[in-house]
mmCIF file of all heavy atoms, coordinates in Angstrom:
data_MODEL
# 
_entry.id   MODEL 
# 
loop_
_atom_site.group_PDB 
_atom_site.id 
_atom_site.type_symbol 
_atom_site.label_atom_id 
_atom_site.label_alt_id 
_atom_site.label_comp_id 
_atom_site.label_asym_id 
_atom_site.label_entity_id 
_atom_site.label_seq_id 
_atom_site.pdbx_PDB_ins_code 
_atom_site.Cartn_x 
_atom_site.Cartn_y 
_atom_site.Cartn_z 
_atom_site.occupancy 
_atom_site.B_iso_or_equiv 
_atom_site.pdbx_formal_charge 
_atom_site.auth_seq_id 
_atom_site.auth_comp_id 
_atom_site.auth_asym_id 
_atom_site.auth_atom_id 
_atom_site.pdbx_PDB_model_num 
ATOM 1   N N   . LEU A 1 1  ? 111.143 118.367 87.426 1.00 0.00 ? 1  LEU A N   1 
ATOM 2   C CA  . LEU A 1 1  ? 110.314 117.571 88.323 1.00 0.00 ? 1  LEU A CA  1 
ATOM 3   C C   . LEU A 1 1  ? 108.837 117.920 88.166 1.00 0.00 ? 1  LEU A C   1 
ATOM 4   O O   . LEU A 1 1  ? 107.976 117.035 88.153 1.00 0.00 ? 1  LEU A O   1 
ATOM 5   C CB  . LEU A 1 1  ? 110.748 117.789 89.777 1.00 0.00 ? 1  LEU A CB  1 
ATOM 6   C CG  . LEU A 1 1  ? 112.100 117.238 90.214 1.00 0.00 ? 1  LEU A CG  1 
ATOM 7   C CD1 . LEU A 1 1  ? 112.322 117.517 91.689 1.00 0.00 ? 1  LEU A CD1 1 
ATOM 8   C CD2 . LEU A 1 1  ? 112.193 115.742 89.945 1.00 0.00 ? 1  LEU A CD2 1 
ATOM 9   N N   . VAL A 1 2  ? 108.541 119.221 88.053 1.00 0.00 ? 2  VAL A N   1 
ATOM 10  C CA  . VAL A 1 2  ? 107.154 119.664 87.894 1.00 0.00 ? 2  VAL A CA  1 
ATOM 11  C C   . VAL A 1 2  ? 106.530 119.024 86.659 1.00 0.00 ? 2  VAL A C   1 
ATOM 12  O O   . VAL A 1 2  ? 105.392 118.532 86.689 1.00 0.00 ? 2  VAL A O   1 
ATOM 13  C CB  . VAL A 1 2  ? 107.077 121.199 87.808 1.00 0.00 ? 2  VAL A CB  1 
ATOM 14  C CG1 . VAL A 1 2  ? 105.668 121.655 87.422 1.00 0.00 ? 2  VAL A CG1 1 
ATOM 15  C CG2 . VAL A 1 2  ? 107.489 121.829 89.135 1.00 0.00 ? 2  VAL A CG2 1 
ATOM 16  N N   . LEU A 1 3  ? 107.273 119.022 85.556 1.00 0.00 ? 3  LEU A N   1 
ATOM 17  C CA  . LEU A 1 3  ? 106.744 118.472 84.305 1.00 0.00 ? 3  LEU A CA  1 
ATOM 18  C C   . LEU A 1 3  ? 106.705 116.946 84.297 1.00 0.00 ? 3  LEU A C   1 
ATOM 19  O O   . LEU A 1 3  ? 105.890 116.342 83.593 1.00 0.00 ? 3  LEU A O   1 
ATOM 20  C CB  . LEU A 1 3  ? 107.588 118.946 83.124 1.00 0.00 ? 3  LEU A CB  1 
ATOM 21  C CG  . LEU A 1 3  ? 107.211 120.290 82.518 1.00 0.00 ? 3  LEU A CG  1 
ATOM 22  C CD1 . LEU A 1 3  ? 108.107 120.585 81.329 1.00 0.00 ? 3  LEU A CD1 1 
ATOM 23  C CD2 . LEU A 1 3  ? 105.754 120.321 82.087 1.00 0.00 ? 3  LEU A CD2 1 
ATOM 24  N N   . SER A 1 4  ? 107.578 116.330 85.056 1.00 0.00 ? 4  SER A N   1 
ATOM 25  C CA  . SER A 1 4  ? 107.659 114.866 85.006 1.00 0.00 ? 4  SER A CA  1 
ATOM 26  C C   . SER A 1 4  ? 106.338 114.220 85.398 1.00 0.00 ? 4  SER A C   1 
ATOM 27  O O   . SER A 1 4  ? 105.971 113.165 84.868 1.00 0.00 ? 4  SER A O   1 
ATOM 28  C CB  . SER A 1 4  ? 108.779 114.358 85.916 1.00 0.00 ? 4  SER A CB  1 
ATOM 29  O OG  . SER A 1 4  ? 108.479 114.581 87.290 1.00 0.00 ? 4  SER A OG  1 
ATOM 30  N N   . GLU A 1 5  ? 105.594 114.847 86.308 1.00 0.00 ? 5  GLU A N   1 
ATOM 31  C CA  . GLU A 1 5  ? 104.308 114.280 86.723 1.00 0.00 ? 5  GLU A CA  1 
ATOM 32  C C   . GLU A 1 5  ? 103.325 114.238 85.558 1.00 0.00 ? 5  GLU A C   1 
ATOM 33  O O   . GLU A 1 5  ? 102.633 113.227 85.341 1.00 0.00 ? 5  GLU A O   1 
ATOM 34  C CB  . GLU A 1 5  ? 103.721 115.085 87.871 1.00 0.00 ? 5  GLU A CB  1 
ATOM 35  C CG  . GLU A 1 5  ? 102.385 114.551 88.360 1.00 0.00 ? 5  GLU A CG  1 
ATOM 36  C CD  . GLU A 1 5  ? 101.826 115.368 89.507 1.00 0.00 ? 5  GLU A CD  1 
ATOM 37  O OE1 . GLU A 1 5  ? 102.464 116.356 89.918 1.00 0.00 ? 5  GLU A OE1 1 
ATOM 38  O OE2 . GLU A 1 5  ? 100.723 115.012 89.989 1.00 0.00 ? 5  GLU A OE2 1 
ATOM 39  N N   . SER A 1 6  ? 103.253 115.332 84.772 1.00 0.00 ? 6  SER A N   1 
ATOM 40  C CA  . SER A 1 6  ? 102.313 115.391 83.647 1.00 0.00 ? 6  SER A CA  1 
ATOM 41  C C   . SER A 1 6  ? 102.609 114.313 82.618 1.00 0.00 ? 6  SER A C   1 
ATOM 42  O O   . SER A 1 6  ? 101.697 113.620 82.134 1.00 0.00 ? 6  SER A O   1 
ATOM 43  C CB  . SER A 1 6  ? 102.377 116.772 82.983 1.00 0.00 ? 6  SER A CB  1 
ATOM 44  O OG  . SER A 1 6  ? 102.011 117.785 83.889 1.00 0.00 ? 6  SER A OG  1 
ATOM 45  N N   . PHE A 1 7  ? 103.867 114.143 82.276 1.00 0.00 ? 7  PHE A N   1 
ATOM 46  C CA  . PHE A 1 7  ? 104.223 113.166 81.246 1.00 0.00 ? 7  PHE A CA  1 
ATOM 47  C C   . PHE A 1 7  ? 104.160 111.743 81.770 1.00 0.00 ? 7  PHE A C   1 
ATOM 48  O O   . PHE A 1 7  ? 103.851 110.812 81.020 1.00 0.00 ? 7  PHE A O   1 
ATOM 49  C CB  . PHE A 1 7  ? 105.597 113.484 80.679 1.00 0.00 ? 7  PHE A CB  1 
ATOM 50  C CG  . PHE A 1 7  ? 105.615 114.744 79.887 1.00 0.00 ? 7  PHE A CG  1 
ATOM 51  C CD1 . PHE A 1 7  ? 106.208 115.889 80.382 1.00 0.00 ? 7  PHE A CD1 1 
ATOM 52  C CD2 . PHE A 1 7  ? 104.985 114.811 78.650 1.00 0.00 ? 7  PHE A CD2 1 
ATOM 53  C CE1 . PHE A 1 7  ? 106.197 117.064 79.664 1.00 0.00 ? 7  PHE A CE1 1 
ATOM 54  C CE2 . PHE A 1 7  ? 104.965 115.981 77.919 1.00 0.00 ? 7  PHE A CE2 1 
ATOM 55  C CZ  . PHE A 1 7  ? 105.572 117.117 78.422 1.00 0.00 ? 7  PHE A CZ  1 
ATOM 56  N N   . ALA A 1 8  ? 104.438 111.562 83.050 1.00 0.00 ? 8  ALA A N   1 
ATOM 57  C CA  . ALA A 1 8  ? 104.315 110.230 83.629 1.00 0.00 ? 8  ALA A CA  1 
ATOM 58  C C   . ALA A 1 8  ? 102.863 109.766 83.596 1.00 0.00 ? 8  ALA A C   1 
ATOM 59  O O   . ALA A 1 8  ? 102.582 108.578 83.409 1.00 0.00 ? 8  ALA A O   1 
ATOM 60  C CB  . ALA A 1 8  ? 104.844 110.227 85.058 1.00 0.00 ? 8  ALA A CB  1 
ATOM 61  N N   . HIS A 1 9  ? 101.909 110.693 83.745 1.00 0.00 ? 9  HIS A N   1 
ATOM 62  C CA  . HIS A 1 9  ? 100.492 110.337 83.681 1.00 0.00 ? 9  HIS A CA  1 
ATOM 63  C C   . HIS A 1 9  ? 100.104 109.854 82.282 1.00 0.00 ? 9  HIS A C   1 
ATOM 64  O O   . HIS A 1 9  ? 99.171  109.056 82.129 1.00 0.00 ? 9  HIS A O   1 
ATOM 65  C CB  . HIS A 1 9  ? 99.627  111.530 84.067 1.00 0.00 ? 9  HIS A CB  1 
ATOM 66  C CG  . HIS A 1 9  ? 99.526  111.755 85.546 1.00 0.00 ? 9  HIS A CG  1 
ATOM 67  N ND1 . HIS A 1 9  ? 99.358  110.725 86.450 1.00 0.00 ? 9  HIS A ND1 1 
ATOM 68  C CD2 . HIS A 1 9  ? 99.560  112.890 86.283 1.00 0.00 ? 9  HIS A CD2 1 
ATOM 69  C CE1 . HIS A 1 9  ? 99.304  111.219 87.676 1.00 0.00 ? 9  HIS A CE1 1 
ATOM 70  N NE2 . HIS A 1 9  ? 99.427  112.534 87.605 1.00 0.00 ? 9  HIS A NE2 1 
ATOM 71  N N   . LEU A 1 10 ? 100.782 110.336 81.239 1.00 0.00 ? 10 LEU A N   1 
ATOM 72  C CA  . LEU A 1 10 ? 100.500 109.861 79.891 1.00 0.00 ? 10 LEU A CA  1 
ATOM 73  C C   . LEU A 1 10 ? 100.967 108.423 79.693 1.00 0.00 ? 10 LEU A C   1 
ATOM 74  O O   . LEU A 1 10 ? 100.377 107.668 78.920 1.00 0.00 ? 10 LEU A O   1 
ATOM 75  C CB  . LEU A 1 10 ? 101.174 110.761 78.855 1.00 0.00 ? 10 LEU A CB  1 
ATOM 76  C CG  . LEU A 1 10 ? 100.645 112.191 78.711 1.00 0.00 ? 10 LEU A CG  1 
ATOM 77  C CD1 . LEU A 1 10 ? 101.420 112.920 77.627 1.00 0.00 ? 10 LEU A CD1 1 
ATOM 78  C CD2 . LEU A 1 10 ? 99.159  112.198 78.388 1.00 0.00 ? 10 LEU A CD2 1 
ATOM 79  N N   . LEU A 1 11 ? 102.034 108.065 80.383 1.00 0.00 ? 11 LEU A N   1 
ATOM 80  C CA  . LEU A 1 11 ? 102.581 106.717 80.242 1.00 0.00 ? 11 LEU A CA  1 
ATOM 81  C C   . LEU A 1 11 ? 101.866 105.717 81.132 1.00 0.00 ? 11 LEU A C   1 
ATOM 82  O O   . LEU A 1 11 ? 101.542 104.611 80.713 1.00 0.00 ? 11 LEU A O   1 
ATOM 83  C CB  . LEU A 1 11 ? 104.075 106.726 80.583 1.00 0.00 ? 11 LEU A CB  1 
ATOM 84  C CG  . LEU A 1 11 ? 104.970 107.561 79.672 1.00 0.00 ? 11 LEU A CG  1 
ATOM 85  C CD1 . LEU A 1 11 ? 106.398 107.547 80.189 1.00 0.00 ? 11 LEU A CD1 1 
ATOM 86  C CD2 . LEU A 1 11 ? 104.926 107.045 78.246 1.00 0.00 ? 11 LEU A CD2 1 
ATOM 87  N N   . VAL A 1 12 ? 101.618 106.115 82.373 1.00 0.00 ? 12 VAL A N   1 
ATOM 88  C CA  . VAL A 1 12 ? 100.974 105.240 83.351 1.00 0.00 ? 12 VAL A CA  1 
ATOM 89  C C   . VAL A 1 12 ? 99.872  106.029 84.038 1.00 0.00 ? 12 VAL A C   1 
ATOM 90  O O   . VAL A 1 12 ? 100.167 106.923 84.839 1.00 0.00 ? 12 VAL A O   1 
ATOM 91  C CB  . VAL A 1 12 ? 101.980 104.719 84.395 1.00 0.00 ? 12 VAL A CB  1 
ATOM 92  C CG1 . VAL A 1 12 ? 101.286 103.770 85.373 1.00 0.00 ? 12 VAL A CG1 1 
ATOM 93  C CG2 . VAL A 1 12 ? 103.159 104.032 83.724 1.00 0.00 ? 12 VAL A CG2 1 
ATOM 94  N N   . ARG A 1 13 ? 98.632  105.735 83.694 1.00 0.00 ? 13 ARG A N   1 
ATOM 95  C CA  . ARG A 1 13 ? 97.508  106.488 84.256 1.00 0.00 ? 13 ARG A CA  1 
ATOM 96  C C   . ARG A 1 13 ? 97.307  106.182 85.732 1.00 0.00 ? 13 ARG A C   1 
ATOM 97  O O   . ARG A 1 13 ? 96.869  107.037 86.500 1.00 0.00 ? 13 ARG A O   1 
ATOM 98  C CB  . ARG A 1 13 ? 96.220  106.169 83.477 1.00 0.00 ? 13 ARG A CB  1 
ATOM 99  C CG  . ARG A 1 13 ? 96.300  106.479 81.988 1.00 0.00 ? 13 ARG A CG  1 
ATOM 100 C CD  . ARG A 1 13 ? 96.398  107.957 81.742 1.00 0.00 ? 13 ARG A CD  1 
ATOM 101 N NE  . ARG A 1 13 ? 96.610  108.269 80.345 1.00 0.00 ? 13 ARG A NE  1 
ATOM 102 C CZ  . ARG A 1 13 ? 95.639  108.435 79.451 1.00 0.00 ? 13 ARG A CZ  1 
ATOM 103 N NH1 . ARG A 1 13 ? 94.375  108.299 79.821 1.00 0.00 ? 13 ARG A NH1 1 
ATOM 104 N NH2 . ARG A 1 13 ? 95.920  108.734 78.203 1.00 0.00 ? 13 ARG A NH2 1 
ATOM 105 N N   . ALA A 1 14 ? 97.584  104.956 86.146 1.00 0.00 ? 14 ALA A N   1 
ATOM 106 C CA  . ALA A 1 14 ? 97.382  104.562 87.545 1.00 0.00 ? 14 ALA A CA  1 
ATOM 107 C C   . ALA A 1 14 ? 98.526  105.082 88.410 1.00 0.00 ? 14 ALA A C   1 
ATOM 108 O O   . ALA A 1 14 ? 99.620  105.373 87.931 1.00 0.00 ? 14 ALA A O   1 
ATOM 109 C CB  . ALA A 1 14 ? 97.282  103.045 87.653 1.00 0.00 ? 14 ALA A CB  1 
ATOM 110 N N   . GLY A 1 15 ? 98.264  105.204 89.701 1.00 0.00 ? 15 GLY A N   1 
ATOM 111 C CA  . GLY A 1 15 ? 99.300  105.605 90.633 1.00 0.00 ? 15 GLY A CA  1 
ATOM 112 C C   . GLY A 1 15 ? 99.256  107.087 90.951 1.00 0.00 ? 15 GLY A C   1 
ATOM 113 O O   . GLY A 1 15 ? 98.767  107.895 90.159 1.00 0.00 ? 15 GLY A O   1 
ATOM 114 N N   . ALA A 1 16 ? 99.781  107.431 92.107 1.00 0.00 ? 16 ALA A N   1 
ATOM 115 C CA  . ALA A 1 16 ? 99.785  108.826 92.551 1.00 0.00 ? 16 ALA A CA  1 
ATOM 116 C C   . ALA A 1 16 ? 100.893 109.611 91.870 1.00 0.00 ? 16 ALA A C   1 
ATOM 117 O O   . ALA A 1 16 ? 101.950 109.064 91.525 1.00 0.00 ? 16 ALA A O   1 
ATOM 118 C CB  . ALA A 1 16 ? 99.955  108.879 94.073 1.00 0.00 ? 16 ALA A CB  1 
ATOM 119 N N   . GLY A 1 17 ? 100.648 110.920 91.701 1.00 0.00 ? 17 GLY A N   1 
ATOM 120 C CA  . GLY A 1 17 ? 101.640 111.771 91.067 1.00 0.00 ? 17 GLY A CA  1 
ATOM 121 C C   . GLY A 1 17 ? 102.923 111.882 91.866 1.00 0.00 ? 17 GLY A C   1 
ATOM 122 O O   . GLY A 1 17 ? 104.020 111.921 91.301 1.00 0.00 ? 17 GLY A O   1 
ATOM 123 N N   . VAL A 1 18 ? 102.805 111.897 93.177 1.00 0.00 ? 18 VAL A N   1 
ATOM 124 C CA  . VAL A 1 18 ? 103.984 112.012 94.039 1.00 0.00 ? 18 VAL A CA  1 
ATOM 125 C C   . VAL A 1 18 ? 104.913 110.823 93.834 1.00 0.00 ? 18 VAL A C   1 
ATOM 126 O O   . VAL A 1 18 ? 106.141 110.975 93.763 1.00 0.00 ? 18 VAL A O   1 
ATOM 127 C CB  . VAL A 1 18 ? 103.559 112.119 95.514 1.00 0.00 ? 18 VAL A CB  1 
ATOM 128 C CG1 . VAL A 1 18 ? 104.785 112.037 96.425 1.00 0.00 ? 18 VAL A CG1 1 
ATOM 129 C CG2 . VAL A 1 18 ? 102.815 113.428 95.764 1.00 0.00 ? 18 VAL A CG2 1 
ATOM 130 N N   . GLU A 1 19 ? 104.338 109.642 93.716 1.00 0.00 ? 19 GLU A N   1 
ATOM 131 C CA  . GLU A 1 19 ? 105.161 108.449 93.505 1.00 0.00 ? 19 GLU A CA  1 
ATOM 132 C C   . GLU A 1 19 ? 105.937 108.547 92.192 1.00 0.00 ? 19 GLU A C   1 
ATOM 133 O O   . GLU A 1 19 ? 107.119 108.171 92.124 1.00 0.00 ? 19 GLU A O   1 
ATOM 134 C CB  . GLU A 1 19 ? 104.272 107.205 93.487 1.00 0.00 ? 19 GLU A CB  1 
ATOM 135 C CG  . GLU A 1 19 ? 103.576 106.927 94.813 1.00 0.00 ? 19 GLU A CG  1 
ATOM 136 C CD  . GLU A 1 19 ? 102.572 105.802 94.701 1.00 0.00 ? 19 GLU A CD  1 
ATOM 137 O OE1 . GLU A 1 19 ? 102.322 105.354 93.561 1.00 0.00 ? 19 GLU A OE1 1 
ATOM 138 O OE2 . GLU A 1 19 ? 102.038 105.374 95.747 1.00 0.00 ? 19 GLU A OE2 1 
ATOM 139 N N   . LYS A 1 20 ? 105.288 109.042 91.143 1.00 0.00 ? 20 LYS A N   1 
ATOM 140 C CA  . LYS A 1 20 ? 105.938 109.157 89.840 1.00 0.00 ? 20 LYS A CA  1 
ATOM 141 C C   . LYS A 1 20 ? 107.054 110.196 89.868 1.00 0.00 ? 20 LYS A C   1 
ATOM 142 O O   . LYS A 1 20 ? 108.113 110.000 89.257 1.00 0.00 ? 20 LYS A O   1 
ATOM 143 C CB  . LYS A 1 20 ? 104.900 109.514 88.780 1.00 0.00 ? 20 LYS A CB  1 
ATOM 144 C CG  . LYS A 1 20 ? 103.865 108.412 88.572 1.00 0.00 ? 20 LYS A CG  1 
ATOM 145 C CD  . LYS A 1 20 ? 102.718 108.859 87.699 1.00 0.00 ? 20 LYS A CD  1 
ATOM 146 C CE  . LYS A 1 20 ? 101.671 107.759 87.601 1.00 0.00 ? 20 LYS A CE  1 
ATOM 147 N NZ  . LYS A 1 20 ? 100.487 108.187 86.840 1.00 0.00 ? 20 LYS A NZ  1 
ATOM 148 N N   . ILE A 1 21 ? 106.823 111.291 90.578 1.00 0.00 ? 21 ILE A N   1 
ATOM 149 C CA  . ILE A 1 21 ? 107.858 112.320 90.706 1.00 0.00 ? 21 ILE A CA  1 
ATOM 150 C C   . ILE A 1 21 ? 109.076 111.767 91.428 1.00 0.00 ? 21 ILE A C   1 
ATOM 151 O O   . ILE A 1 21 ? 110.220 112.002 91.030 1.00 0.00 ? 21 ILE A O   1 
ATOM 152 C CB  . ILE A 1 21 ? 107.297 113.552 91.444 1.00 0.00 ? 21 ILE A CB  1 
ATOM 153 C CG1 . ILE A 1 21 ? 106.324 114.307 90.530 1.00 0.00 ? 21 ILE A CG1 1 
ATOM 154 C CG2 . ILE A 1 21 ? 108.421 114.481 91.900 1.00 0.00 ? 21 ILE A CG2 1 
ATOM 155 C CD1 . ILE A 1 21 ? 105.587 115.420 91.227 1.00 0.00 ? 21 ILE A CD1 1 
ATOM 156 N N   . ILE A 1 22 ? 108.850 111.024 92.496 1.00 0.00 ? 22 ILE A N   1 
ATOM 157 C CA  . ILE A 1 22 ? 109.966 110.472 93.272 1.00 0.00 ? 22 ILE A CA  1 
ATOM 158 C C   . ILE A 1 22 ? 110.766 109.476 92.433 1.00 0.00 ? 22 ILE A C   1 
ATOM 159 O O   . ILE A 1 22 ? 112.005 109.456 92.476 1.00 0.00 ? 22 ILE A O   1 
ATOM 160 C CB  . ILE A 1 22 ? 109.438 109.809 94.569 1.00 0.00 ? 22 ILE A CB  1 
ATOM 161 C CG1 . ILE A 1 22 ? 108.918 110.894 95.515 1.00 0.00 ? 22 ILE A CG1 1 
ATOM 162 C CG2 . ILE A 1 22 ? 110.537 108.999 95.242 1.00 0.00 ? 22 ILE A CG2 1 
ATOM 163 C CD1 . ILE A 1 22 ? 108.277 110.354 96.773 1.00 0.00 ? 22 ILE A CD1 1 
ATOM 164 N N   . ILE A 1 23 ? 110.071 108.644 91.656 1.00 0.00 ? 23 ILE A N   1 
ATOM 165 C CA  . ILE A 1 23 ? 110.766 107.677 90.797 1.00 0.00 ? 23 ILE A CA  1 
ATOM 166 C C   . ILE A 1 23 ? 111.613 108.410 89.750 1.00 0.00 ? 23 ILE A C   1 
ATOM 167 O O   . ILE A 1 23 ? 112.788 108.078 89.529 1.00 0.00 ? 23 ILE A O   1 
ATOM 168 C CB  . ILE A 1 23 ? 109.757 106.735 90.113 1.00 0.00 ? 23 ILE A CB  1 
ATOM 169 C CG1 . ILE A 1 23 ? 109.114 105.809 91.151 1.00 0.00 ? 23 ILE A CG1 1 
ATOM 170 C CG2 . ILE A 1 23 ? 110.447 105.903 89.025 1.00 0.00 ? 23 ILE A CG2 1 
ATOM 171 C CD1 . ILE A 1 23 ? 107.964 104.989 90.607 1.00 0.00 ? 23 ILE A CD1 1 
ATOM 172 N N   . PHE A 1 24 ? 111.011 109.416 89.088 1.00 0.00 ? 24 PHE A N   1 
ATOM 173 C CA  . PHE A 1 24 ? 111.752 110.201 88.096 1.00 0.00 ? 24 PHE A CA  1 
ATOM 174 C C   . PHE A 1 24 ? 112.960 110.868 88.743 1.00 0.00 ? 24 PHE A C   1 
ATOM 175 O O   . PHE A 1 24 ? 114.078 110.827 88.208 1.00 0.00 ? 24 PHE A O   1 
ATOM 176 C CB  . PHE A 1 24 ? 110.842 111.266 87.480 1.00 0.00 ? 24 PHE A CB  1 
ATOM 177 C CG  . PHE A 1 24 ? 111.565 112.239 86.589 1.00 0.00 ? 24 PHE A CG  1 
ATOM 178 C CD1 . PHE A 1 24 ? 111.740 111.976 85.244 1.00 0.00 ? 24 PHE A CD1 1 
ATOM 179 C CD2 . PHE A 1 24 ? 112.082 113.427 87.103 1.00 0.00 ? 24 PHE A CD2 1 
ATOM 180 C CE1 . PHE A 1 24 ? 112.415 112.860 84.429 1.00 0.00 ? 24 PHE A CE1 1 
ATOM 181 C CE2 . PHE A 1 24 ? 112.766 114.321 86.299 1.00 0.00 ? 24 PHE A CE2 1 
ATOM 182 C CZ  . PHE A 1 24 ? 112.926 114.029 84.954 1.00 0.00 ? 24 PHE A CZ  1 
ATOM 183 N N   . TRP A 1 25 ? 112.756 111.495 89.890 1.00 0.00 ? 25 TRP A N   1 
ATOM 184 C CA  . TRP A 1 25 ? 113.833 112.203 90.593 1.00 0.00 ? 25 TRP A CA  1 
ATOM 185 C C   . TRP A 1 25 ? 114.983 111.268 90.938 1.00 0.00 ? 25 TRP A C   1 
ATOM 186 O O   . TRP A 1 25 ? 116.149 111.591 90.704 1.00 0.00 ? 25 TRP A O   1 
ATOM 187 C CB  . TRP A 1 25 ? 113.273 112.835 91.865 1.00 0.00 ? 25 TRP A CB  1 
ATOM 188 C CG  . TRP A 1 25 ? 114.308 113.190 92.877 1.00 0.00 ? 25 TRP A CG  1 
ATOM 189 C CD1 . TRP A 1 25 ? 115.194 114.238 92.833 1.00 0.00 ? 25 TRP A CD1 1 
ATOM 190 C CD2 . TRP A 1 25 ? 114.584 112.488 94.089 1.00 0.00 ? 25 TRP A CD2 1 
ATOM 191 N NE1 . TRP A 1 25 ? 116.002 114.221 93.945 1.00 0.00 ? 25 TRP A NE1 1 
ATOM 192 C CE2 . TRP A 1 25 ? 115.650 113.160 94.727 1.00 0.00 ? 25 TRP A CE2 1 
ATOM 193 C CE3 . TRP A 1 25 ? 114.029 111.367 94.689 1.00 0.00 ? 25 TRP A CE3 1 
ATOM 194 C CZ2 . TRP A 1 25 ? 116.162 112.728 95.951 1.00 0.00 ? 25 TRP A CZ2 1 
ATOM 195 C CZ3 . TRP A 1 25 ? 114.544 110.942 95.906 1.00 0.00 ? 25 TRP A CZ3 1 
ATOM 196 C CH2 . TRP A 1 25 ? 115.603 111.619 96.528 1.00 0.00 ? 25 TRP A CH2 1 
ATOM 197 N N   . PHE A 1 26 ? 114.664 110.103 91.437 1.00 0.00 ? 26 PHE A N   1 
ATOM 198 C CA  . PHE A 1 26 ? 115.713 109.165 91.837 1.00 0.00 ? 26 PHE A CA  1 
ATOM 199 C C   . PHE A 1 26 ? 116.508 108.674 90.635 1.00 0.00 ? 26 PHE A C   1 
ATOM 200 O O   . PHE A 1 26 ? 117.751 108.663 90.658 1.00 0.00 ? 26 PHE A O   1 
ATOM 201 C CB  . PHE A 1 26 ? 115.109 107.978 92.591 1.00 0.00 ? 26 PHE A CB  1 
ATOM 202 C CG  . PHE A 1 26 ? 116.128 106.956 93.001 1.00 0.00 ? 26 PHE A CG  1 
ATOM 203 C CD1 . PHE A 1 26 ? 116.919 107.160 94.116 1.00 0.00 ? 26 PHE A CD1 1 
ATOM 204 C CD2 . PHE A 1 26 ? 116.317 105.786 92.266 1.00 0.00 ? 26 PHE A CD2 1 
ATOM 205 C CE1 . PHE A 1 26 ? 117.872 106.230 94.495 1.00 0.00 ? 26 PHE A CE1 1 
ATOM 206 C CE2 . PHE A 1 26 ? 117.257 104.859 92.624 1.00 0.00 ? 26 PHE A CE2 1 
ATOM 207 C CZ  . PHE A 1 26 ? 118.048 105.074 93.745 1.00 0.00 ? 26 PHE A CZ  1 
ATOM 208 N N   . LEU A 1 27 ? 115.823 108.259 89.573 1.00 0.00 ? 27 LEU A N   1 
ATOM 209 C CA  . LEU A 1 27 ? 116.504 107.728 88.388 1.00 0.00 ? 27 LEU A CA  1 
ATOM 210 C C   . LEU A 1 27 ? 117.362 108.800 87.716 1.00 0.00 ? 27 LEU A C   1 
ATOM 211 O O   . LEU A 1 27 ? 118.502 108.541 87.325 1.00 0.00 ? 27 LEU A O   1 
ATOM 212 C CB  . LEU A 1 27 ? 115.476 107.174 87.401 1.00 0.00 ? 27 LEU A CB  1 
ATOM 213 C CG  . LEU A 1 27 ? 114.712 105.930 87.854 1.00 0.00 ? 27 LEU A CG  1 
ATOM 214 C CD1 . LEU A 1 27 ? 113.669 105.550 86.811 1.00 0.00 ? 27 LEU A CD1 1 
ATOM 215 C CD2 . LEU A 1 27 ? 115.662 104.757 88.102 1.00 0.00 ? 27 LEU A CD2 1 
ATOM 216 N N   . ALA A 1 28 ? 116.815 110.026 87.552 1.00 0.00 ? 28 ALA A N   1 
ATOM 217 C CA  . ALA A 1 28 ? 117.556 111.090 86.881 1.00 0.00 ? 28 ALA A CA  1 
ATOM 218 C C   . ALA A 1 28 ? 118.760 111.530 87.708 1.00 0.00 ? 28 ALA A C   1 
ATOM 219 O O   . ALA A 1 28 ? 119.836 111.797 87.159 1.00 0.00 ? 28 ALA A O   1 
ATOM 220 C CB  . ALA A 1 28 ? 116.632 112.278 86.609 1.00 0.00 ? 28 ALA A CB  1 
# 
């Protein structure tokens, strides 16, 4: 989860980090 935020920022620059972590967490 900690790393997912960093890599999600490479894919989608817009949006908050918390939102990206929650999306990754739910899908995984």
